[in-house]
């Protein structure tokens, strides 16, 4: 392929005469940045080499006719469908951003709702079945420390912290567990395992306190993200309700 100077500047490399555009490198770097991976010359070199390798591999796959199979066509259809959907949603959110007034209004609503609310610090031993839950409960009744049983038996990531889930508001806790927690005396463990959709749980209430509402500036970004998710979901629901679906 022949390129003028302005075109050549956009080419990362050529593989068997096929140009790999530098815009691919920029796109991957940006995707990494969105995942908090810092841009650097070293990162760009790794990405460049990977893009060149993928071009060589894809060319070989095409020579073998692998791009004509049904699996390839189905995967390509799904990739196109997913990417277009995300482009549409991103375009909608760009045209309908969350503004300062919306964030302030939501903050004020949360302040009214959370002022005086009780907050709970709980620990959890999560088990995948009832039999293991009974074994864990028997160990606790025998006198084994909650933290030890959590580290040895829990299937939740909190096991490394002895089951500690930190401070939570009632609406941040699964309702079946929350209903038990709010009635537990501080420092006690629920008398029986609690079954939820994620398994069986032995719950201990470590402490409780009145929730301290964070300042606006501390809450602003998390509220903005929450409102963005709400706008995203409303847009999806609107399109879904308008679509003519048969079959």
Protein backbone atom coordinates (compact mmCIF):
# COMPACT_ATOMS: atom_id res chain seq x y z
CA UNK A 1 0.00 0.00 0.00
CA UNK A 2 1.23 3.50 -0.81
CA UNK A 3 0.80 6.32 1.69
CA UNK A 4 1.44 10.03 1.46
CA UNK A 5 3.29 11.63 4.32
CA UNK A 6 0.14 12.49 6.28
CA UNK A 7 -1.11 8.92 5.83
CA UNK A 8 2.24 7.39 6.79
CA UNK A 9 2.15 9.25 10.08
CA UNK A 10 -0.99 7.30 11.01
CA UNK A 11 0.56 3.88 10.34
CA UNK A 12 1.95 1.93 13.29
CA UNK A 13 3.60 -0.70 11.10
CA UNK A 14 2.89 -2.86 8.08
CA UNK A 15 2.58 -6.63 8.29
CA UNK A 16 2.94 -8.45 4.97
CA UNK A 17 2.06 -5.18 3.27
CA UNK A 18 -1.06 -4.56 5.40
CA UNK A 19 -1.08 -1.35 7.44
CA UNK A 20 -1.75 -1.41 11.17
CA UNK A 21 -3.13 2.08 11.95
CA UNK A 22 -1.67 3.96 14.90
CA UNK A 23 -5.21 4.84 15.96
CA UNK A 24 -5.47 1.25 17.23
CA UNK A 25 -2.60 1.94 19.61
CA UNK A 26 -4.24 5.15 20.81
CA UNK A 27 -7.52 3.33 21.37
CA UNK A 28 -5.94 0.55 23.44
CA UNK A 29 -3.96 3.10 25.48
CA UNK A 30 -7.18 4.99 26.18
CA UNK A 31 -8.98 1.78 27.18
CA UNK A 32 -6.15 1.04 29.59
CA UNK A 33 -6.34 4.57 30.98
CA UNK A 34 -10.04 3.99 31.65
CA UNK A 35 -8.93 1.06 33.82
CA UNK A 36 -6.42 3.28 35.67
CA UNK A 37 -3.40 1.88 33.80
CA UNK A 38 -0.92 4.73 33.39
CA UNK A 39 0.34 5.57 29.91
CA UNK A 40 4.08 5.11 29.38
CA UNK A 41 6.56 4.43 26.56
CA UNK A 42 7.00 0.90 27.91
CA UNK A 43 3.25 0.26 27.83
CA UNK A 44 2.99 1.63 24.29
CA UNK A 45 5.80 -0.66 23.14
CA UNK A 46 4.08 -3.72 24.62
CA UNK A 47 0.76 -2.75 23.00
CA UNK A 48 2.46 -2.01 19.66
CA UNK A 49 4.09 -5.44 19.57
CA UNK A 50 0.83 -7.13 20.55
CA UNK A 51 -1.10 -5.34 17.78
CA UNK A 52 1.48 -6.33 15.19
CA UNK A 53 1.41 -9.94 16.39
CA UNK A 54 -2.39 -10.03 16.26
CA UNK A 55 -2.34 -8.71 12.70
CA UNK A 56 0.04 -11.51 11.66
CA UNK A 57 -2.12 -14.10 13.41
CA UNK A 58 -5.36 -12.76 11.94
CA UNK A 59 -3.87 -12.80 8.45
CA UNK A 60 -2.90 -16.43 8.86
CA UNK A 61 -6.36 -17.28 10.18
CA UNK A 62 -7.95 -15.61 7.16
CA UNK A 63 -5.66 -17.59 4.81
CA UNK A 64 -6.98 -20.75 6.40
CA UNK A 65 -10.56 -19.59 5.86
CA UNK A 66 -11.34 -19.39 9.59
CA UNK A 67 -13.12 -16.08 9.02
CA UNK A 68 -15.75 -17.91 6.96
CA UNK A 69 -16.94 -20.21 9.74
CA UNK A 70 -20.24 -19.78 11.55
CA UNK A 71 -18.52 -19.36 14.91
CA UNK A 72 -16.52 -16.42 13.58
CA UNK A 73 -19.57 -14.80 12.03
CA UNK A 74 -21.57 -15.22 15.24
CA UNK A 75 -18.79 -13.76 17.38
CA UNK A 76 -18.36 -10.87 14.96
CA UNK A 77 -22.10 -10.21 15.11
CA UNK A 78 -22.01 -10.16 18.92
CA UNK A 79 -18.99 -7.84 19.01
CA UNK A 80 -20.65 -5.45 16.60
CA UNK A 81 -23.91 -5.58 18.54
CA UNK A 82 -22.24 -4.95 21.92
CA UNK A 83 -20.01 -2.17 20.63
CA UNK A 84 -22.85 -0.33 18.90
CA UNK A 85 -24.97 -0.63 22.04
CA UNK A 86 -22.20 0.87 24.19
CA UNK A 87 -21.61 3.63 21.62
CA UNK A 88 -25.30 4.51 21.72
CA UNK A 89 -25.40 4.63 25.51
CA UNK A 90 -22.19 6.69 25.68
CA UNK A 91 -23.64 9.13 23.13
CA UNK A 92 -26.85 9.45 25.16
CA UNK A 93 -24.96 10.12 28.40
CA UNK A 94 -22.72 12.65 26.66
CA UNK A 95 -25.78 14.55 25.45
CA UNK A 96 -27.51 14.19 28.81
CA UNK A 97 -24.77 14.61 31.42
CA UNK A 98 -25.36 14.67 35.15
CA UNK A 99 -25.28 18.31 36.21
CA UNK A 100 -24.43 19.97 39.52
CA UNK A 101 -28.06 20.65 40.35
CA UNK A 102 -28.95 16.95 40.01
CA UNK A 103 -26.03 15.93 42.21
CA UNK A 104 -26.91 18.48 44.89
CA UNK A 105 -30.57 17.44 44.84
CA UNK A 106 -29.65 13.76 45.27
CA UNK A 107 -27.19 14.61 48.05
CA UNK A 108 -29.86 16.57 49.93
CA UNK A 109 -32.27 13.64 49.54
CA UNK A 110 -29.71 11.23 50.95
CA UNK A 111 -28.95 13.56 53.86
CA UNK A 112 -32.65 13.70 54.77
CA UNK A 113 -32.90 9.92 54.51
CA UNK A 114 -29.68 9.02 56.32
CA UNK A 115 -29.55 11.57 59.12
CA UNK A 116 -29.88 9.58 62.33
CA UNK A 117 -29.69 6.23 60.52
CA UNK A 118 -28.08 3.29 62.31
CA UNK A 119 -24.91 1.81 60.83
CA UNK A 120 -23.70 -1.71 61.57
CA UNK A 121 -20.30 -3.37 61.54
CA UNK A 122 -20.77 -7.03 60.83
CA UNK A 123 -18.67 -10.13 60.21
CA UNK A 124 -19.75 -13.00 58.01
CA UNK A 125 -18.79 -16.63 57.55
CA UNK A 126 -20.17 -17.51 54.12
CA UNK A 127 -20.68 -21.17 53.28
CA UNK A 128 -21.79 -22.80 50.03
CA UNK A 129 -24.09 -25.38 51.64
CA UNK A 130 -26.09 -26.07 54.79
CA UNK A 131 -23.87 -28.94 55.93
CA UNK A 132 -20.78 -26.71 56.07
CA UNK A 133 -22.82 -24.01 57.79
CA UNK A 134 -23.78 -26.46 60.54
CA UNK A 135 -20.17 -27.54 60.97
CA UNK A 136 -19.05 -23.90 61.25
CA UNK A 137 -21.81 -23.12 63.75
CA UNK A 138 -20.83 -26.15 65.84
CA UNK A 139 -17.24 -24.92 65.94
CA UNK A 140 -18.40 -21.50 67.15
CA UNK A 141 -20.54 -23.09 69.87
CA UNK A 142 -17.56 -25.21 70.90
CA UNK A 143 -15.57 -22.02 71.45
CA UNK A 144 -13.55 -21.57 68.26
CA UNK A 145 -12.93 -17.91 67.46
CA UNK A 146 -15.20 -16.44 64.77
CA UNK A 147 -12.20 -15.02 62.89
CA UNK A 148 -10.47 -18.42 62.81
CA UNK A 149 -13.53 -20.23 61.46
CA UNK A 150 -14.01 -17.50 58.86
CA UNK A 151 -10.43 -17.81 57.63
CA UNK A 152 -10.61 -21.60 57.46
CA UNK A 153 -14.14 -22.13 56.11
CA UNK A 154 -15.64 -19.00 54.55
CA UNK A 155 -15.96 -18.87 50.75
CA UNK A 156 -16.19 -15.07 50.73
CA UNK A 157 -13.30 -12.69 50.04
CA UNK A 158 -13.74 -11.28 53.55
CA UNK A 159 -12.23 -14.50 54.97
CA UNK A 160 -8.77 -12.89 54.83
CA UNK A 161 -10.04 -10.26 57.29
CA UNK A 162 -11.65 -12.81 59.57
CA UNK A 163 -15.05 -12.23 57.95
CA UNK A 164 -15.10 -8.48 58.65
CA UNK A 165 -17.41 -6.70 56.17
CA UNK A 166 -16.86 -3.24 57.62
CA UNK A 167 -19.51 -0.61 58.37
CA UNK A 168 -22.78 -0.99 56.47
CA UNK A 169 -26.20 0.65 56.39
CA UNK A 170 -29.23 -1.66 56.47
CA UNK A 171 -29.99 -1.11 52.77
CA UNK A 172 -26.43 -2.18 51.91
CA UNK A 173 -27.07 -5.59 53.47
CA UNK A 174 -29.05 -8.44 51.92
CA UNK A 175 -32.59 -8.07 53.39
CA UNK A 176 -32.65 -11.58 54.88
CA UNK A 177 -29.44 -10.77 56.78
CA UNK A 178 -30.35 -7.17 57.55
CA UNK A 179 -33.58 -8.29 59.25
CA UNK A 180 -31.50 -10.38 61.64
CA UNK A 181 -28.68 -7.88 62.16
CA UNK A 182 -30.93 -5.02 63.32
CA UNK A 183 -32.23 -7.22 66.15
CA UNK A 184 -28.90 -8.64 67.31
CA UNK A 185 -27.28 -7.37 70.52
CA UNK A 186 -23.80 -5.97 69.91
CA UNK A 187 -21.09 -8.63 70.02
CA UNK A 188 -23.38 -11.59 69.42
CA UNK A 189 -23.68 -14.10 66.57
CA UNK A 190 -26.98 -15.11 65.00
CA UNK A 191 -28.28 -18.34 66.55
CA UNK A 192 -28.72 -20.09 63.22
CA UNK A 193 -27.26 -19.91 59.70
CA UNK A 194 -29.11 -17.57 57.33
CA UNK A 195 -29.84 -18.88 53.85
CA UNK A 196 -29.70 -16.41 50.96
CA UNK A 197 -29.40 -16.70 47.19
CA UNK A 198 -25.61 -16.70 47.56
CA UNK A 199 -25.40 -19.49 50.15
CA UNK A 200 -25.48 -19.81 53.93
CA UNK A 201 -24.20 -17.17 56.34
CA UNK A 202 -23.17 -17.02 59.98
CA UNK A 203 -23.46 -13.38 61.00
CA UNK A 204 -21.94 -11.57 63.97
CA UNK A 205 -22.80 -7.97 64.90
CA UNK A 206 -19.51 -6.42 65.99
CA UNK A 207 -20.66 -2.85 66.63
CA UNK A 208 -23.25 -0.24 65.72
CA UNK A 209 -23.33 3.55 65.59
CA UNK A 210 -25.24 6.51 64.21
CA UNK A 211 -24.23 7.06 60.60
CA UNK A 212 -22.09 10.15 60.02
CA UNK A 213 -23.27 11.74 56.77
CA UNK A 214 -20.22 12.68 54.62
CA UNK A 215 -19.76 16.21 53.33
CA UNK A 216 -21.01 17.12 49.86
CA UNK A 217 -17.53 17.23 48.29
CA UNK A 218 -16.74 13.78 49.65
CA UNK A 219 -19.95 12.33 48.23
CA UNK A 220 -20.13 14.21 44.95
CA UNK A 221 -18.32 11.75 42.67
CA UNK A 222 -20.04 8.61 43.98
CA UNK A 223 -23.41 10.32 43.65
CA UNK A 224 -22.57 11.37 40.09
CA UNK A 225 -21.68 7.79 39.21
CA UNK A 226 -24.91 6.55 40.74
CA UNK A 227 -26.98 9.06 38.79
CA UNK A 228 -25.15 8.11 35.58
CA UNK A 229 -26.09 4.48 36.15
CA UNK A 230 -29.71 5.50 36.71
CA UNK A 231 -29.75 7.51 33.47
CA UNK A 232 -28.18 4.61 31.64
CA UNK A 233 -30.78 2.16 32.94
CA UNK A 234 -33.70 4.49 32.21
CA UNK A 235 -32.49 4.92 28.63
CA UNK A 236 -32.15 1.16 28.18
CA UNK A 237 -35.62 0.56 29.66
CA UNK A 238 -37.11 3.22 27.39
CA UNK A 239 -35.64 1.66 24.25
CA UNK A 240 -36.68 -1.79 25.37
CA UNK A 241 -40.28 -0.68 25.94
CA UNK A 242 -40.39 0.97 22.52
CA UNK A 243 -38.92 -1.97 20.59
CA UNK A 244 -41.32 -4.16 18.60
CA UNK A 245 -40.31 -7.64 19.71
CA UNK A 246 -41.80 -10.80 18.22
CA UNK A 247 -41.08 -14.41 18.93
